[in-house]
Amino acid sequence: MSDSTTNLLLPYLMAAQAQKHVTHNEALRLLDGLVQLSVKSRQMTAAPASPTDGDRYIVASGATGGWAGWDLNVALWTDGAWLRLPPREGWRAWVEDEAVLLVRNGADWQPVIPTGLDDLTRLGIGMAASTGAPFSAKLNSALWTALYAADGGSGDLTQTLNRETGTDDAGLILQTGFSTRALIGMFGSDQLRIAVSSDGSNFSDALGVDPATGIANQPNLPRFKAYTNYDNYVATDSWTTLGINVADYNDQGCFDAGTNRFVAPVAGTYLFGASLLYKINANTSARMRGRLVLNGSTEIRGSFGEISSAHVSGATALWLQTLVSLDADDTVALQGTFRAADGYFAADHTTFWGTKIG
C-alpha cells in the first residue's frame, strides 16, 4: 500500500504509526500550499532573502542555491524552510506580478489564455468561427483605439485591407439579416465604390472615384437637361408653363417630358437653371419674363427675371438660376410670359435643367 495520495502526494496516516499529528499536519501544510495556487513570480532563479510564511514561487529555469534543481517547480516557504512542490499536469497557478493565469502543460507552464496568437486558423468571439469566416465575432459594440504616445505608441490608428489582385475585392460589406445592403471599397477594380441595395442582389452605385484622377462620379444623381422643340406662343401677362418636352439626359427619370416638369425623387437641395430665347410675333417691344414655380403655383424665390429693352428676335435671351430645398415628389416647372406685347419662346434654345447637390 502506498504511503501517499496519487495526485498531490499527501502523506497517509499509517496503522500503528506514532506521532500521527506530524503526518496530518504535513498533509495540511501541502494542501495549504497547493489549493488555490497563487505565486509571487515565475522570474526568480534564487530564493528571496526575506520571504513571508506562505510565499510561493514558480522557480525559473537555471535555479541556484537552495532552489538548485527545482526549475519550473513550485517553491513554498513554510515554517522557516523552502518546500519543493513538483507540479503535475493540469495544475493552474495565478502569477501575481504579471496578473496571468498559467496551466501546467507537459514540462512547461503556459498561459490559460495564450499571449501569442500567431498563425491561428480560426478565432471566434461569442460564436463559432467557420471555414468561410475564420474570424467571427458576435457582439454589440467594438472599439479600436490608437496606442497613445504616452503609452509608447505613435498615437496613430490605421487599418489595412489588402487584396491579391486588382480584380479581387477589398472593402466593407454591410448587411441586414445577412443580406447585403451596402458596399464600400474596391470591388473588382481600383475604383473606390459606394453602392447600395434594397434586396441584396441588385446594386445602385452612389459614388465612384477614379483612381487615376481622383474625380468623383455620382452615376445615379438626379439630374436632367431638357428643351422645347417647338416655338411656344405666350400671350401678354399670362404666366404659362413652357413645353419643355425633349430631354438631352434624364438621370433617375426625374424629368417628366409629358407634363414639362421636374419631379424630385428624394428630398434634398437642388440647383435649377433655364435659358429663354425670344422670338418675335409682331412687336420687338415685348418684355420677356421667366420664373421657376414649385408645385405648379408658387414662384421660387430668386428665380424671377425680365428683359425690358427692345428685343432682337432669335438673339435676345434670359437666364435664370436658383437653389431650392425640395421634398420627395415636389415638382418644379419653367414658366414664361410677356409684357407690352406677346411673343414666342424659341424652339431648341429654350432650355431647362437641374441637379441634386445636397
Protein backbone atom coordinates (compact mmCIF):
# COMPACT_ATOMS: atom_id res chain seq x y z
CA MET A 1 0.00 0.00 0.00
CA SER A 2 1.28 3.48 -0.91
CA ASP A 3 2.09 5.88 1.90
CA SER A 4 0.86 8.98 -0.04
CA THR A 5 -2.01 10.10 -2.27
CA THR A 6 -1.71 9.69 -6.03
CA ASN A 7 -2.07 13.28 -7.29
CA LEU A 8 -0.93 15.67 -4.55
CA LEU A 9 1.36 13.18 -2.76
CA LEU A 10 -0.19 13.94 0.60
CA PRO A 11 1.09 11.54 3.32
CA TYR A 12 -1.28 8.93 4.69
CA LEU A 13 -1.73 8.14 8.35
CA MET A 14 -0.47 4.56 8.66
CA ALA A 15 -1.64 1.84 11.02
CA ALA A 16 0.15 1.81 14.38
CA GLN A 17 2.00 4.99 13.37
CA ALA A 18 3.45 7.06 16.20
CA GLN A 19 3.01 10.87 16.25
CA LYS A 20 0.17 10.81 13.72
CA HIS A 21 -0.27 14.55 14.18
CA VAL A 22 3.06 15.15 12.41
CA THR A 23 1.89 13.34 9.30
CA HIS A 24 -1.51 15.01 9.46
CA ASN A 25 0.00 18.48 9.80
CA GLU A 26 2.37 17.80 6.88
CA ALA A 27 -0.61 16.94 4.71
CA LEU A 28 -2.40 20.13 5.77
CA ARG A 29 0.74 22.14 5.03
CA LEU A 30 0.88 20.71 1.50
CA LEU A 31 -2.79 21.38 0.95
CA ASP A 32 -2.39 24.95 2.16
CA GLY A 33 0.41 25.48 -0.32
CA LEU A 34 -1.30 23.85 -3.30
CA VAL A 35 -5.02 24.68 -3.10
CA GLN A 36 -5.98 27.96 -4.85
CA LEU A 37 -2.37 28.21 -6.01
CA SER A 38 -1.11 31.79 -6.37
CA VAL A 39 2.62 32.51 -6.77
CA LYS A 40 4.50 35.76 -6.34
CA SER A 41 6.50 35.42 -9.53
CA ARG A 42 7.96 32.99 -12.05
CA GLN A 43 11.05 35.08 -12.90
CA MET A 44 13.37 34.28 -9.98
CA THR A 45 16.19 31.69 -10.07
CA ALA A 46 17.27 32.21 -6.44
CA ALA A 47 15.21 32.32 -3.27
CA PRO A 48 14.37 35.80 -1.94
CA ALA A 49 16.26 36.93 1.16
CA SER A 50 13.27 37.65 3.40
CA PRO A 51 10.25 35.57 2.42
CA THR A 52 6.98 35.66 4.31
CA ASP A 53 5.42 32.47 5.56
CA GLY A 54 3.19 31.05 2.83
CA ASP A 55 5.02 32.76 -0.08
CA ARG A 56 5.10 30.66 -3.22
CA TYR A 57 7.10 30.94 -6.45
CA ILE A 58 7.40 29.08 -9.71
CA VAL A 59 11.16 28.63 -9.88
CA ALA A 60 12.66 29.97 -13.12
CA SER A 61 14.94 27.83 -15.27
CA GLY A 62 18.59 27.86 -14.18
CA ALA A 63 17.81 27.91 -10.46
CA THR A 64 20.70 28.20 -7.98
CA GLY A 65 21.36 27.90 -4.25
CA GLY A 66 18.63 26.28 -2.21
CA TRP A 67 16.45 26.14 -5.32
CA ALA A 68 19.03 24.36 -7.49
CA GLY A 69 17.36 21.58 -9.45
CA TRP A 70 13.89 22.98 -8.78
CA ASP A 71 13.41 24.51 -12.25
CA LEU A 72 9.70 25.14 -13.01
CA ASN A 73 8.70 23.55 -9.66
CA VAL A 74 6.66 25.40 -7.06
CA ALA A 75 8.69 26.59 -4.05
CA LEU A 76 6.72 27.13 -0.83
CA TRP A 77 8.20 28.97 2.21
CA THR A 78 6.61 27.45 5.30
CA ASP A 79 7.72 27.02 8.91
CA GLY A 80 11.07 28.66 8.16
CA ALA A 81 12.08 26.41 5.25
CA TRP A 82 11.58 26.06 1.49
CA LEU A 83 9.40 23.14 0.46
CA ARG A 84 9.54 21.83 -3.10
CA LEU A 85 6.16 21.03 -4.73
CA PRO A 86 6.70 19.14 -8.00
CA PRO A 87 3.90 20.21 -10.40
CA ARG A 88 1.55 17.77 -12.09
CA GLU A 89 -0.21 18.01 -15.46
CA GLY A 90 -3.13 20.44 -15.41
CA TRP A 91 -2.17 22.43 -12.31
CA ARG A 92 -3.21 26.07 -12.52
CA ALA A 93 -1.35 28.95 -10.90
CA TRP A 94 -2.06 32.67 -10.71
CA VAL A 95 1.12 34.76 -11.19
CA GLU A 96 0.67 37.89 -9.11
CA ASP A 97 3.32 40.17 -10.63
CA GLU A 98 2.07 39.50 -14.18
CA ALA A 99 -1.65 39.08 -13.50
CA VAL A 100 -1.71 35.98 -15.69
CA LEU A 101 -3.19 32.53 -15.13
CA LEU A 102 -0.89 29.62 -16.04
CA VAL A 103 -1.57 25.93 -16.59
CA ARG A 104 0.97 23.12 -16.37
CA ASN A 105 1.18 21.57 -19.84
CA GLY A 106 3.75 18.84 -20.27
CA ALA A 107 7.05 20.08 -18.94
CA ASP A 108 6.18 23.77 -19.02
CA TRP A 109 3.78 26.39 -17.67
CA GLN A 110 1.65 28.09 -20.32
CA PRO A 111 -0.93 30.89 -20.15
CA VAL A 112 -4.52 29.64 -19.95
CA ILE A 113 -5.33 32.46 -22.42
CA PRO A 114 -2.42 32.42 -24.89
CA THR A 115 -0.43 35.63 -25.05
CA GLY A 116 0.77 34.77 -28.54
CA LEU A 117 -1.99 34.23 -31.10
CA ASP A 118 0.22 33.79 -34.15
CA ASP A 119 -0.85 31.61 -37.03
CA LEU A 120 -4.34 30.79 -35.75
CA THR A 121 -6.59 29.15 -38.32
CA ARG A 122 -9.82 30.29 -36.64
CA LEU A 123 -10.92 32.65 -33.88
CA GLY A 124 -14.49 33.06 -32.67
CA ILE A 125 -15.64 35.67 -30.14
CA GLY A 126 -19.11 34.93 -28.82
CA MET A 127 -19.71 32.47 -31.65
CA ALA A 128 -18.06 29.63 -33.50
CA ALA A 129 -15.78 30.60 -36.37
CA SER A 130 -16.16 28.76 -39.66
CA THR A 131 -14.10 27.98 -42.73
CA GLY A 132 -15.85 30.76 -44.66
CA ALA A 133 -15.47 33.22 -41.79
CA PRO A 134 -12.37 32.14 -39.83
CA PHE A 135 -12.54 35.30 -37.70
CA SER A 136 -16.05 35.75 -36.31
CA ALA A 137 -17.38 37.91 -33.50
CA LYS A 138 -20.90 38.20 -32.08
CA LEU A 139 -21.18 41.40 -30.03
CA ASN A 140 -22.99 44.71 -29.80
CA SER A 141 -20.09 47.14 -29.99
CA ALA A 142 -16.40 47.17 -30.80
CA LEU A 143 -13.67 49.73 -30.19
CA TRP A 144 -10.32 50.26 -31.87
CA THR A 145 -8.17 52.94 -30.29
CA ALA A 146 -4.69 54.16 -31.06
CA LEU A 147 -1.81 53.38 -28.74
CA TYR A 148 -1.05 56.87 -27.40
CA ALA A 149 2.44 58.32 -27.43
CA ALA A 150 2.40 58.42 -23.62
CA ASP A 151 1.91 54.66 -23.61
CA GLY A 152 4.76 54.02 -26.03
CA GLY A 153 2.80 54.25 -29.26
CA SER A 154 2.63 56.80 -32.06
CA GLY A 155 -0.95 57.98 -31.47
CA ASP A 156 -1.90 56.82 -34.97
CA LEU A 157 -4.59 54.29 -35.85
CA THR A 158 -4.74 52.74 -39.31
CA GLN A 159 -6.30 49.59 -40.70
CA THR A 160 -5.22 47.89 -43.92
CA LEU A 161 -7.40 45.75 -46.17
CA ASN A 162 -5.16 44.08 -48.74
CA ARG A 163 -6.32 42.08 -51.76
CA GLU A 164 -4.27 39.88 -54.05
CA THR A 165 -5.00 41.45 -57.46
CA GLY A 166 -6.78 44.47 -58.92
CA THR A 167 -9.75 42.31 -59.95
CA ASP A 168 -10.34 40.99 -56.42
CA ASP A 169 -12.40 42.73 -53.73
CA ALA A 170 -11.29 44.77 -50.73
CA GLY A 171 -13.96 46.60 -48.79
CA LEU A 172 -16.75 46.66 -46.25
CA ILE A 173 -19.97 44.72 -46.82
CA LEU A 174 -22.85 45.99 -44.67
CA GLN A 175 -25.75 43.60 -44.16
CA THR A 176 -29.18 43.29 -42.59
CA GLY A 177 -30.05 39.75 -41.53
CA PHE A 178 -27.02 38.62 -43.56
CA SER A 179 -28.45 40.20 -46.73
CA THR A 180 -26.12 42.83 -48.20
CA ARG A 181 -27.41 46.39 -48.20
CA ALA A 182 -24.27 48.45 -48.89
CA LEU A 183 -20.75 48.12 -50.28
CA ILE A 184 -17.85 50.46 -49.55
CA GLY A 185 -14.47 49.75 -51.10
CA MET A 186 -12.80 48.43 -54.24
CA PHE A 187 -14.83 45.67 -55.86
CA GLY A 188 -13.36 44.13 -58.99
CA SER A 189 -11.38 47.25 -59.94
CA ASP A 190 -9.24 50.04 -58.48
CA GLN A 191 -12.18 52.44 -58.36
CA LEU A 192 -13.44 53.39 -54.90
CA ARG A 193 -17.09 52.45 -54.94
CA ILE A 194 -20.09 53.09 -52.69
CA ALA A 195 -23.15 51.10 -53.69
CA VAL A 196 -26.49 50.26 -52.06
CA SER A 197 -29.14 47.58 -52.47
CA SER A 198 -32.68 47.08 -51.25
CA ASP A 199 -32.75 43.33 -51.86
CA GLY A 200 -29.16 42.10 -51.55
CA SER A 201 -28.94 41.26 -55.24
CA ASN A 202 -29.34 44.43 -57.31
CA PHE A 203 -26.99 47.31 -56.54
CA SER A 204 -27.06 51.01 -57.40
CA ASP A 205 -23.80 52.94 -57.36
CA ALA A 206 -24.00 56.11 -55.29
CA LEU A 207 -20.36 57.16 -55.74
CA GLY A 208 -17.32 56.15 -57.76
CA VAL A 209 -13.85 57.73 -57.54
CA ASP A 210 -11.48 57.33 -60.49
CA PRO A 211 -8.10 56.05 -59.19
CA ALA A 212 -6.10 57.89 -61.87
CA THR A 213 -7.64 61.34 -61.47
CA GLY A 214 -9.46 61.35 -58.15
CA ILE A 215 -12.54 62.62 -59.94
CA ALA A 216 -15.75 61.56 -58.16
CA ASN A 217 -18.74 60.42 -60.16
CA GLN A 218 -22.31 60.10 -58.91
CA PRO A 219 -23.88 57.98 -61.63
CA ASN A 220 -27.35 57.91 -60.09
CA LEU A 221 -27.57 61.55 -59.04
CA PRO A 222 -30.97 63.01 -60.04
CA ARG A 223 -30.18 65.45 -62.90
CA PHE A 224 -31.58 66.45 -66.24
CA LYS A 225 -31.32 68.86 -69.13
CA ALA A 226 -34.28 69.38 -71.46
CA TYR A 227 -35.54 71.78 -74.15
CA THR A 228 -38.59 72.61 -76.20
CA ASN A 229 -38.60 71.51 -79.83
CA TYR A 230 -41.26 74.00 -80.94
CA ASP A 231 -41.88 77.75 -80.63
CA ASN A 232 -44.05 78.38 -77.58
CA TYR A 233 -46.51 81.23 -78.14
CA VAL A 234 -47.38 83.08 -74.92
CA ALA A 235 -49.83 85.96 -74.59
CA THR A 236 -49.16 89.11 -72.56
CA ASP A 237 -49.48 88.98 -68.80
CA SER A 238 -50.22 85.25 -68.83
CA TRP A 239 -47.75 83.01 -66.98
CA THR A 240 -47.56 79.80 -69.00
CA THR A 241 -45.69 76.56 -68.32
CA LEU A 242 -43.38 76.16 -71.28
CA GLY A 243 -43.47 72.96 -73.29
CA ILE A 244 -40.07 71.60 -72.31
CA ASN A 245 -40.68 68.25 -73.96
CA VAL A 246 -37.31 66.77 -75.03
CA ALA A 247 -34.63 65.59 -72.58
CA ASP A 248 -30.95 65.65 -73.54
CA TYR A 249 -30.35 63.45 -70.48
CA ASN A 250 -32.58 62.44 -67.63
CA ASP A 251 -30.85 60.50 -64.84
CA GLN A 252 -33.24 58.72 -62.47
CA GLY A 253 -36.09 59.68 -64.81
CA CYS A 254 -36.59 62.81 -62.73
CA PHE A 255 -37.88 64.95 -65.61
CA ASP A 256 -41.39 64.27 -66.96
CA ALA A 257 -41.47 65.43 -70.58
CA GLY A 258 -45.22 64.73 -70.75
CA THR A 259 -46.01 67.33 -68.08
CA ASN A 260 -42.93 69.52 -68.77
CA ARG A 261 -41.76 69.44 -65.16
CA PHE A 262 -39.14 68.06 -62.80
CA VAL A 263 -40.31 65.66 -60.06
CA ALA A 264 -37.99 65.28 -57.04
CA PRO A 265 -37.28 61.57 -56.43
CA VAL A 266 -35.88 62.28 -52.94
CA ALA A 267 -35.74 65.20 -50.54
CA GLY A 268 -32.71 67.46 -50.76
CA THR A 269 -31.20 70.68 -52.08
CA TYR A 270 -31.40 71.17 -55.85
CA LEU A 271 -29.86 73.61 -58.30
CA PHE A 272 -32.01 74.67 -61.28
CA GLY A 273 -31.41 76.86 -64.28
CA ALA A 274 -33.07 77.89 -67.54
CA SER A 275 -32.42 79.84 -70.71
CA LEU A 276 -35.28 81.54 -72.57
CA LEU A 277 -34.74 82.74 -76.16
CA TYR A 278 -37.03 85.42 -77.56
CA LYS A 279 -38.73 85.06 -80.96
CA ILE A 280 -40.84 87.91 -82.32
CA ASN A 281 -44.51 87.64 -83.06
CA ALA A 282 -45.30 91.19 -84.20
CA ASN A 283 -43.57 93.65 -81.88
CA THR A 284 -39.98 93.71 -80.57
CA SER A 285 -41.11 95.89 -77.65
CA ALA A 286 -42.34 92.77 -75.86
CA ARG A 287 -40.91 92.44 -72.34
CA MET A 288 -39.80 88.82 -71.77
CA ARG A 289 -40.22 87.32 -68.30
CA GLY A 290 -39.34 83.93 -66.83
CA ARG A 291 -39.55 82.10 -63.50
CA LEU A 292 -39.48 78.68 -61.87
CA VAL A 293 -42.54 77.51 -59.96
CA LEU A 294 -42.90 74.98 -57.17
CA ASN A 295 -45.77 72.50 -57.32
CA GLY A 296 -47.49 74.34 -60.13
CA SER A 297 -48.14 77.70 -58.49
CA THR A 298 -45.53 79.03 -56.05
CA GLU A 299 -42.80 81.18 -57.54
CA ILE A 300 -39.40 80.02 -56.26
CA ARG A 301 -37.63 82.95 -54.66
CA GLY A 302 -34.62 84.08 -56.68
CA SER A 303 -35.79 82.51 -59.94
CA PHE A 304 -37.64 85.50 -61.48
CA GLY A 305 -36.11 87.56 -64.31
CA GLU A 306 -37.08 90.01 -67.05
CA ILE A 307 -35.54 91.55 -70.19
CA SER A 308 -37.04 95.03 -70.59
CA SER A 309 -35.23 96.62 -73.52
CA ALA A 310 -36.19 96.19 -77.17
CA HIS A 311 -35.53 92.61 -78.26
CA VAL A 312 -33.72 91.08 -81.17
CA SER A 313 -35.67 88.08 -82.42
CA GLY A 314 -33.70 84.85 -82.16
CA ALA A 315 -30.91 86.55 -80.21
CA THR A 316 -32.20 88.12 -77.00
CA ALA A 317 -32.07 85.62 -74.13
CA LEU A 318 -32.91 85.49 -70.43
CA TRP A 319 -31.07 83.22 -67.98
CA LEU A 320 -32.43 82.03 -64.65
CA GLN A 321 -30.73 80.11 -61.86
CA THR A 322 -31.55 79.32 -58.21
CA LEU A 323 -31.27 76.84 -55.34
CA VAL A 324 -34.29 75.29 -53.65
CA SER A 325 -34.92 72.72 -50.93
CA LEU A 326 -37.43 70.10 -52.04
CA ASP A 327 -39.33 67.23 -50.50
CA ALA A 328 -39.80 63.97 -52.36
CA ASP A 329 -42.41 64.32 -55.15
CA ASP A 330 -42.24 68.14 -55.22
CA THR A 331 -42.37 69.49 -58.79
CA VAL A 332 -40.56 72.36 -60.48
CA ALA A 333 -41.56 73.82 -63.85
CA LEU A 334 -40.36 76.65 -66.11
CA GLN A 335 -42.87 79.40 -66.87
CA GLY A 336 -42.73 82.41 -69.15
CA THR A 337 -44.80 85.44 -70.10
CA PHE A 338 -44.53 88.81 -71.85
CA ARG A 339 -45.45 92.37 -71.02
CA ALA A 340 -46.36 95.08 -73.52
CA ALA A 341 -46.59 92.66 -76.45
CA ASP A 342 -46.90 88.93 -76.96
CA GLY A 343 -44.25 86.72 -78.46
CA TYR A 344 -42.66 83.27 -78.68
CA PHE A 345 -40.14 81.36 -76.63
CA ALA A 346 -37.99 79.93 -79.37
CA ALA A 347 -37.62 76.22 -80.13
CA ASP A 348 -34.36 74.31 -79.46
CA HIS A 349 -32.73 77.10 -77.44
CA THR A 350 -35.28 77.50 -74.65
CA THR A 351 -33.94 75.04 -72.07
CA PHE A 352 -34.47 73.87 -68.51
CA TRP A 353 -32.00 71.91 -66.36
CA GLY A 354 -31.46 70.82 -62.76
CA THR A 355 -29.43 68.60 -60.45
CA LYS A 356 -29.41 67.49 -56.82
CA ILE A 357 -26.42 68.93 -54.96
CA GLY A 358 -27.13 68.03 -51.36
